[in-house]
Amino acid sequence: MTTPPARHRQCGQALVEMAFVVVLLVTLVMGTIEFGRAWMIENMITHAARDGARIGATAQGRGAGGTITSTSAIQTQVLNDISNVTPTTGLTVSVTQPTISGIPMVQVQVTGTIPYLFNLVGTSFPVNRTATFRDEGR
């Protein structure tokens, strides 16, 4: 039995090396896309919470004691802002009016989990963002 020429053996070696490089490159690209998407979503959630807190701080419709009567409208606005980039099924929005060091505040907190696209490092990542503004209506 004769052995194949060296040229044929090198073609097989190049094919195996190419397979390793392609798998590594695809994994790296998927990880970069996943990281960028997660960062974008967290940034959008932070800004949506901030916008909701600002809306609450400047809200005109107040109940007894200066409490905001339209907390559901603020929650809807925050979820609508977030829904531009990701589904909001795993997120909850809470609007509170704490007093910090004697200063009335409006606080919007967004918590929940966001699913990954490719599940390279898990199925979802937790999100917990809070924005606080001085309450200008109390």
Protein backbone atom coordinates (compact mmCIF):
# COMPACT_ATOMS: atom_id res chain seq x y z
CA MET A 1 0.00 0.00 0.00
CA THR A 2 1.29 3.41 -0.93
CA THR A 3 1.08 6.50 1.26
CA PRO A 4 -0.66 9.58 -0.07
CA PRO A 5 1.52 12.41 -1.26
CA ALA A 6 2.46 15.09 1.30
CA ARG A 7 0.23 17.59 -0.49
CA HIS A 8 -2.94 15.61 0.40
CA ARG A 9 -1.94 15.26 4.05
CA GLN A 10 -1.39 19.04 4.33
CA CYS A 11 -4.87 19.74 2.91
CA GLY A 12 -6.41 17.70 5.70
CA GLN A 13 -4.30 19.49 8.29
CA ALA A 14 -5.36 22.91 6.93
CA LEU A 15 -9.01 21.86 7.11
CA VAL A 16 -8.72 20.89 10.78
CA GLU A 17 -6.91 24.12 11.63
CA MET A 18 -9.55 26.12 9.78
CA ALA A 19 -12.30 24.39 11.78
CA PHE A 20 -10.63 25.39 15.06
CA VAL A 21 -10.20 28.99 13.94
CA VAL A 22 -13.80 29.30 12.68
CA VAL A 23 -15.27 27.92 15.90
CA LEU A 24 -13.12 30.28 17.97
CA LEU A 25 -13.97 33.27 15.76
CA VAL A 26 -17.73 32.59 15.79
CA THR A 27 -17.70 32.20 19.59
CA LEU A 28 -15.78 35.46 19.95
CA VAL A 29 -18.20 37.33 17.68
CA MET A 30 -21.24 35.92 19.49
CA GLY A 31 -19.75 36.93 22.85
CA THR A 32 -19.07 40.45 21.60
CA ILE A 33 -22.63 40.81 20.31
CA GLU A 34 -24.02 39.45 23.60
CA PHE A 35 -21.91 41.78 25.74
CA GLY A 36 -22.79 44.82 23.61
CA ARG A 37 -26.50 43.98 23.71
CA ALA A 38 -26.47 43.49 27.50
CA TRP A 39 -24.68 46.80 27.99
CA MET A 40 -27.15 48.60 25.69
CA ILE A 41 -30.17 47.12 27.50
CA GLU A 42 -28.82 48.04 30.95
CA ASN A 43 -28.14 51.56 29.71
CA MET A 44 -31.67 51.86 28.30
CA ILE A 45 -33.16 50.60 31.58
CA THR A 46 -31.10 53.13 33.54
CA HIS A 47 -32.30 55.97 31.32
CA ALA A 48 -35.92 54.79 31.42
CA ALA A 49 -35.82 54.70 35.24
CA ARG A 50 -34.28 58.17 35.29
CA ASP A 51 -36.93 59.52 32.93
CA GLY A 52 -39.69 57.96 35.05
CA ALA A 53 -38.28 59.50 38.23
CA ARG A 54 -38.08 62.87 36.53
CA ILE A 55 -41.69 62.60 35.36
CA GLY A 56 -42.73 61.72 38.92
CA ALA A 57 -40.70 64.56 40.43
CA THR A 58 -42.38 67.13 38.21
CA ALA A 59 -45.89 65.59 38.17
CA GLN A 60 -48.67 68.10 38.69
CA GLY A 61 -51.52 65.75 39.70
CA ARG A 62 -51.05 65.14 43.43
CA GLY A 63 -53.24 63.54 46.04
CA ALA A 64 -53.42 64.11 49.77
CA GLY A 65 -50.03 64.81 51.32
CA GLY A 66 -48.43 65.43 47.93
CA THR A 67 -48.45 61.80 46.85
CA ILE A 68 -48.30 61.08 43.14
CA THR A 69 -51.63 59.81 41.85
CA SER A 70 -50.32 58.62 38.47
CA THR A 71 -47.77 55.97 39.50
CA SER A 72 -49.26 53.50 37.02
CA ALA A 73 -48.72 56.02 34.21
CA ILE A 74 -45.07 56.36 35.24
CA GLN A 75 -44.67 52.57 35.34
CA THR A 76 -46.24 52.27 31.89
CA GLN A 77 -43.97 54.98 30.51
CA VAL A 78 -40.85 53.27 31.87
CA LEU A 79 -41.89 49.88 30.49
CA ASN A 80 -42.72 51.45 27.10
CA ASP A 81 -39.25 53.02 26.96
CA ILE A 82 -37.63 49.67 27.74
CA SER A 83 -39.81 47.75 25.29
CA ASN A 84 -38.05 49.56 22.43
CA VAL A 85 -34.99 47.34 22.98
CA THR A 86 -36.18 44.19 24.76
CA PRO A 87 -39.35 42.41 25.91
CA THR A 88 -40.44 43.62 29.36
CA THR A 89 -42.00 40.36 30.58
CA GLY A 90 -39.37 39.76 33.29
CA LEU A 91 -39.28 43.33 34.61
CA THR A 92 -41.11 45.11 37.41
CA VAL A 93 -41.21 48.86 38.00
CA SER A 94 -41.91 50.40 41.41
CA VAL A 95 -42.47 54.09 42.13
CA THR A 96 -41.99 55.31 45.71
CA GLN A 97 -41.78 58.67 47.45
CA PRO A 98 -39.22 58.36 50.26
CA THR A 99 -37.91 61.19 52.38
CA ILE A 100 -34.12 61.19 52.51
CA SER A 101 -32.48 63.47 55.11
CA GLY A 102 -35.72 65.43 55.35
CA ILE A 103 -35.91 66.01 51.58
CA PRO A 104 -38.89 64.55 49.71
CA MET A 105 -37.81 62.37 46.79
CA VAL A 106 -39.31 60.32 43.97
CA GLN A 107 -37.65 56.97 43.36
CA VAL A 108 -38.19 54.61 40.42
CA GLN A 109 -36.72 51.11 40.63
CA VAL A 110 -36.60 48.61 37.77
CA THR A 111 -35.80 45.00 38.68
CA GLY A 112 -35.94 41.70 36.87
CA THR A 113 -34.04 39.51 34.45
CA ILE A 114 -33.22 39.89 30.77
CA PRO A 115 -32.65 36.79 28.61
CA TYR A 116 -29.39 36.38 26.71
CA LEU A 117 -29.49 35.89 22.94
CA PHE A 118 -26.98 33.06 22.62
CA ASN A 119 -26.85 31.62 26.17
CA LEU A 120 -23.04 31.45 26.14
CA VAL A 121 -22.71 32.34 29.84
CA GLY A 122 -26.20 31.52 31.12
CA THR A 123 -29.82 32.03 30.21
CA SER A 124 -30.39 35.52 31.66
CA PHE A 125 -28.77 38.33 33.61
CA PRO A 126 -30.26 40.26 36.53
CA VAL A 127 -31.11 43.94 36.30
CA ASN A 128 -31.61 46.28 39.26
CA ARG A 129 -31.58 49.98 38.47
CA THR A 130 -32.81 52.82 40.68
CA ALA A 131 -33.16 56.51 39.89
CA THR A 132 -33.96 59.13 42.52
CA PHE A 133 -34.96 62.77 41.99
CA ARG A 134 -35.91 65.51 44.42
CA ASP A 135 -39.70 65.81 44.49
CA GLU A 136 -40.51 69.27 43.18
CA GLY A 137 -44.25 68.91 43.85
CA ARG A 138 -44.13 68.47 47.66
